[in-house]
C-alpha atoms as a PDB file:
ATOM      1  CA  MET A   1       0.000   0.000   0.000  1.00  0.00           C
ATOM      2  CA  VAL A   2       3.011   2.332   0.372  1.00  0.00           C
ATOM      3  CA  ASP A   3       6.451   3.117  -1.026  1.00  0.00           C
ATOM      4  CA  VAL A   4       9.165   3.937   1.526  1.00  0.00           C
ATOM      5  CA  TYR A   5      11.288   6.965   0.612  1.00  0.00           C
ATOM      6  CA  ALA A   6      13.311   7.497   3.792  1.00  0.00           C
ATOM      7  CA  TYR A   7      13.584   6.428   7.402  1.00  0.00           C
ATOM      8  CA  CYS A   8      15.720   7.055  10.431  1.00  0.00           C
ATOM      9  CA  LEU A   9      15.491   5.307  13.776  1.00  0.00           C
ATOM     10  CA  MET A  10      16.621   7.418  16.708  1.00  0.00           C
ATOM     11  CA  PRO A  11      16.902   6.436  20.387  1.00  0.00           C
ATOM     12  CA  ASN A  12      13.616   8.119  21.326  1.00  0.00           C
ATOM     13  CA  HIS A  13      11.731   8.548  18.036  1.00  0.00           C
ATOM     14  CA  PHE A  14      11.781   7.650  14.384  1.00  0.00           C
ATOM     15  CA  HIS A  15      11.067   9.270  11.041  1.00  0.00           C
ATOM     16  CA  LEU A  16       9.440   7.550   8.116  1.00  0.00           C
ATOM     17  CA  ILE A  17       8.572   9.034   4.735  1.00  0.00           C
ATOM     18  CA  ILE A  18       6.143   6.982   2.729  1.00  0.00           C
ATOM     19  CA  LYS A  19       4.137   7.511  -0.401  1.00  0.00           C
ATOM     20  CA  VAL A  20       0.624   6.151  -0.102  1.00  0.00           C
ATOM     21  CA  LYS A  21      -0.728   4.398  -3.148  1.00  0.00           C
ATOM     22  CA  SER A  22      -3.556   5.928  -5.141  1.00  0.00           C
ATOM     23  CA  ARG A  23      -7.149   5.514  -4.009  1.00  0.00           C
ATOM     24  CA  ASN A  24      -7.771   2.957  -6.770  1.00  0.00           C
ATOM     25  CA  GLU A  25      -4.695   0.912  -5.826  1.00  0.00           C
ATOM     26  CA  ILE A  26      -5.798   0.923  -2.182  1.00  0.00           C
ATOM     27  CA  LEU A  27      -9.312  -0.157  -3.160  1.00  0.00           C
ATOM     28  CA  ASP A  28      -7.860  -2.984  -5.272  1.00  0.00           C
ATOM     29  CA  PHE A  29      -5.613  -4.030  -2.380  1.00  0.00           C
ATOM     30  CA  SER A  30      -8.359  -3.931   0.239  1.00  0.00           C
ATOM     31  CA  ASN A  31     -11.035  -5.621  -1.908  1.00  0.00           C
ATOM     32  CA  GLU A  32     -13.591  -3.205  -0.497  1.00  0.00           C
ATOM     33  CA  ASN A  33     -16.213  -1.088  -2.191  1.00  0.00           C
ATOM     34  CA  SER A  34     -15.577   2.450  -3.388  1.00  0.00           C
ATOM     35  CA  ASP A  35     -17.462   4.002  -0.443  1.00  0.00           C
ATOM     36  CA  ILE A  36     -14.689   3.244   2.035  1.00  0.00           C
ATOM     37  CA  ASP A  37     -12.773   5.945   3.858  1.00  0.00           C
ATOM     38  CA  VAL A  38      -9.196   5.682   2.531  1.00  0.00           C
ATOM     39  CA  PRO A  39      -7.602   7.810   5.322  1.00  0.00           C
ATOM     40  CA  LYS A  40      -9.296   5.483   7.824  1.00  0.00           C
ATOM     41  CA  ILE A  41      -7.807   2.426   6.086  1.00  0.00           C
ATOM     42  CA  ILE A  42      -4.351   4.005   6.193  1.00  0.00           C
ATOM     43  CA  SER A  43      -4.694   4.880   9.897  1.00  0.00           C
ATOM     44  CA  LYS A  44      -5.894   1.358  10.615  1.00  0.00           C
ATOM     45  CA  GLN A  45      -2.889  -0.150   8.813  1.00  0.00           C
ATOM     46  CA  PHE A  46      -0.482   2.034  10.797  1.00  0.00           C
ATOM     47  CA  SER A  47      -2.278   1.101  14.000  1.00  0.00           C
ATOM     48  CA  HIS A  48      -1.761  -2.585  13.170  1.00  0.00           C
ATOM     49  CA  PHE A  49       1.896  -1.914  12.355  1.00  0.00           C
ATOM     50  CA  PHE A  50       2.579  -0.058  15.632  1.00  0.00           C
ATOM     51  CA  ASN A  51       0.634  -2.576  17.723  1.00  0.00           C
ATOM     52  CA  SER A  52       2.449  -5.521  16.141  1.00  0.00           C
ATOM     53  CA  TYR A  53       5.816  -3.846  16.676  1.00  0.00           C
ATOM     54  CA  ALA A  54       4.991  -3.046  20.311  1.00  0.00           C
ATOM     55  CA  GLN A  55       3.872  -6.622  20.978  1.00  0.00           C
ATOM     56  CA  ALA A  56       7.023  -8.080  19.425  1.00  0.00           C
ATOM     57  CA  TYR A  57       9.253  -5.628  21.295  1.00  0.00           C
ATOM     58  CA  ASN A  58       7.485  -6.305  24.598  1.00  0.00           C
ATOM     59  CA  LYS A  59       7.874 -10.047  24.084  1.00  0.00           C
ATOM     60  CA  GLN A  60      11.563  -9.691  23.222  1.00  0.00           C
ATOM     61  CA  GLN A  61      12.248  -7.411  26.208  1.00  0.00           C
ATOM     62  CA  ASN A  62       9.959  -9.353  28.571  1.00  0.00           C
ATOM     63  CA  ARG A  63       7.899  -6.253  29.314  1.00  0.00           C
ATOM     64  CA  LYS A  64       4.246  -5.187  29.241  1.00  0.00           C
ATOM     65  CA  GLY A  65       2.342  -2.032  28.508  1.00  0.00           C
ATOM     66  CA  SER A  66       2.401   0.757  25.989  1.00  0.00           C
ATOM     67  CA  LEU A  67       5.521   1.331  23.976  1.00  0.00           C
ATOM     68  CA  PHE A  68       4.579   4.551  22.233  1.00  0.00           C
ATOM     69  CA  ASN A  69       3.625   7.688  24.145  1.00  0.00           C
ATOM     70  CA  ASN A  70       1.964   9.626  21.369  1.00  0.00           C
ATOM     71  CA  ARG A  71       0.165   8.889  18.169  1.00  0.00           C
ATOM     72  CA  TYR A  72       2.116   9.335  15.016  1.00  0.00           C
ATOM     73  CA  LYS A  73       2.007  12.594  13.103  1.00  0.00           C
ATOM     74  CA  ARG A  74       1.108  12.632   9.453  1.00  0.00           C
ATOM     75  CA  ILE A  75       2.250  15.473   7.269  1.00  0.00           C
ATOM     76  CA  GLU A  76       1.093  15.679   3.692  1.00  0.00           C
ATOM     77  CA  ILE A  77       4.015  16.418   1.416  1.00  0.00           C
ATOM     78  CA  ILE A  78       2.708  18.586  -1.367  1.00  0.00           C
ATOM     79  CA  SER A  79       5.842  19.253  -3.403  1.00  0.00           C
ATOM     80  CA  ASP A  80       8.961  17.435  -4.559  1.00  0.00           C
ATOM     81  CA  GLU A  81      11.084  20.268  -3.156  1.00  0.00           C
ATOM     82  CA  TYR A  82       9.652  19.727   0.333  1.00  0.00           C
ATOM     83  CA  LEU A  83      10.100  15.960  -0.002  1.00  0.00           C
ATOM     84  CA  ILE A  84      13.783  16.450  -0.842  1.00  0.00           C
ATOM     85  CA  LYS A  85      14.135  18.738   2.197  1.00  0.00           C
ATOM     86  CA  LEU A  86      12.570  16.136   4.473  1.00  0.00           C
ATOM     87  CA  ILE A  87      14.741  13.306   3.166  1.00  0.00           C
ATOM     88  CA  HIS A  88      17.845  15.400   3.823  1.00  0.00           C
ATOM     89  CA  TYR A  89      16.591  16.453   7.274  1.00  0.00           C
ATOM     90  CA  ILE A  90      15.781  12.885   8.284  1.00  0.00           C
ATOM     91  CA  HIS A  91      19.138  11.537   7.155  1.00  0.00           C
ATOM     92  CA  PHE A  92      20.974  14.340   8.971  1.00  0.00           C
ATOM     93  CA  ASN A  93      19.003  13.912  12.209  1.00  0.00           C
ATOM     94  CA  PRO A  94      21.546  11.610  13.953  1.00  0.00           C
ATOM     95  CA  VAL A  95      24.397  14.016  13.167  1.00  0.00           C
ATOM     96  CA  GLU A  96      22.396  16.959  14.543  1.00  0.00           C
ATOM     97  CA  ALA A  97      21.707  14.913  17.692  1.00  0.00           C
ATOM     98  CA  ASN A  98      25.456  14.180  18.078  1.00  0.00           C
ATOM     99  CA  LEU A  99      24.914  10.445  17.705  1.00  0.00           C
ATOM    100  CA  CYS A 100      27.465  10.204  14.907  1.00  0.00           C
ATOM    101  CA  LYS A 101      29.890  12.394  12.987  1.00  0.00           C
ATOM    102  CA  LYS A 102      28.771  11.531   9.435  1.00  0.00           C
ATOM    103  CA  ILE A 103      25.411  10.508   8.035  1.00  0.00           C
ATOM    104  CA  SER A 104      26.916   7.311   6.664  1.00  0.00           C
ATOM    105  CA  ASP A 105      27.996   6.265  10.190  1.00  0.00           C
ATOM    106  CA  TRP A 106      24.379   5.914  11.378  1.00  0.00           C
ATOM    107  CA  ARG A 107      23.258   2.414  10.468  1.00  0.00           C
ATOM    108  CA  TYR A 108      19.598   2.958  11.389  1.00  0.00           C
ATOM    109  CA  SER A 109      18.837   5.245   8.475  1.00  0.00           C
ATOM    110  CA  SER A 110      17.962   4.789   4.840  1.00  0.00           C
ATOM    111  CA  TYR A 111      20.929   6.887   3.691  1.00  0.00           C
ATOM    112  CA  ASN A 112      23.256   3.910   3.177  1.00  0.00           C
ATOM    113  CA  SER A 113      20.444   1.872   1.610  1.00  0.00           C
ATOM    114  CA  VAL A 114      20.013   4.549  -1.038  1.00  0.00           C
ATOM    115  CA  LEU A 115      23.705   4.224  -1.900  1.00  0.00           C
ATOM    116  CA  SER A 116      23.811   0.442  -1.706  1.00  0.00           C
ATOM    117  CA  GLU A 117      23.070  -1.966  -4.513  1.00  0.00           C
ATOM    118  CA  LYS A 118      21.645  -4.553  -2.118  1.00  0.00           C
ATOM    119  CA  GLU A 119      17.993  -5.485  -2.365  1.00  0.00           C
ATOM    120  CA  THR A 120      15.767  -3.170  -0.336  1.00  0.00           C
ATOM    121  CA  LEU A 121      12.129  -2.220   0.147  1.00  0.00           C
ATOM    122  CA  LEU A 122      13.187   1.397  -0.192  1.00  0.00           C
ATOM    123  CA  ALA A 123      12.094   3.250  -3.344  1.00  0.00           C
ATOM    124  CA  ARG A 124      15.788   3.820  -4.079  1.00  0.00           C
ATOM    125  CA  ASP A 125      15.505   4.712  -7.754  1.00  0.00           C
ATOM    126  CA  GLU A 126      12.783   7.286  -7.091  1.00  0.00           C
ATOM    127  CA  VAL A 127      14.801   8.900  -4.288  1.00  0.00           C
ATOM    128  CA  ILE A 128      17.935   9.132  -6.422  1.00  0.00           C
ATOM    129  CA  LYS A 129      15.895  10.557  -9.297  1.00  0.00           C
ATOM    130  CA  MET A 130      14.562  13.304  -6.984  1.00  0.00           C
ATOM    131  CA  PHE A 131      18.165  14.371  -6.360  1.00  0.00           C
ATOM    132  CA  SER A 132      18.958  14.035 -10.100  1.00  0.00           C
ATOM    133  CA  ASP A 133      21.582  11.327  -9.580  1.00  0.00           C
ATOM    134  CA  VAL A 134      23.511   9.504  -6.856  1.00  0.00           C
ATOM    135  CA  ASN A 135      26.400  11.979  -6.918  1.00  0.00           C
ATOM    136  CA  ASN A 136      24.063  14.897  -6.263  1.00  0.00           C
ATOM    137  CA  PHE A 137      22.338  12.881  -3.514  1.00  0.00           C
ATOM    138  CA  ILE A 138      25.726  12.471  -1.788  1.00  0.00           C
ATOM    139  CA  TYR A 139      26.673  16.107  -2.423  1.00  0.00           C
ATOM    140  CA  CYS A 140      23.409  17.442  -0.970  1.00  0.00           C
ATOM    141  CA  HIS A 141      23.899  15.388   2.188  1.00  0.00           C
ATOM    142  CA  GLN A 142      27.401  16.763   2.943  1.00  0.00           C
ATOM    143  CA  ILE A 143      26.189  19.841   4.819  1.00  0.00           C
ATOM    144  CA  PRO A 144      23.533  20.324   7.508  1.00  0.00           C
ATOM    145  CA  PRO A 145      20.026  21.191   6.317  1.00  0.00           C
ATOM    146  CA  SER A 146      20.198  24.472   8.226  1.00  0.00           C
ATOM    147  CA  ILE A 147      23.242  25.573   6.178  1.00  0.00           C
ATOM    148  CA  SER A 148      21.991  24.229   2.862  1.00  0.00           C
ATOM    149  CA  GLY A 149      18.745  26.127   3.217  1.00  0.00           C
ATOM    150  CA  ILE A 150      16.669  22.966   2.922  1.00  0.00           C
ATOM    151  CA  ASN A 151      15.813  22.686   6.595  1.00  0.00           C
END
């Protein structure tokens, strides 16, 4: 139902940029009639995802109770320029938080997956195309978003 454009897992939060499929693709996937509320389906899918993750984490850590404090925030990305800014911001987040010196040092981010040739669920080709090519993707990520003006 979605394409993943970027992610970054931080110690106390995470970022995830996804592109939701078209209404028709969602209807085909869900096998429901055209009267359904697509935003409700999306919220329900994320609820299942977060609940499943919390249950697995609780089992692994031998703990009980809520894992997430707040609901997730959804922001509609209305332009390619803003999407590029968010991808850069998300990849730079660990550096800004002093968790690593270089973006490529943080292994819990999609940055290295974009550069890799290994199989991934990431929409790698689309992300690289947004930055024109892989060299420009690397170049754009060399400076903090606040300096580059894409913060």
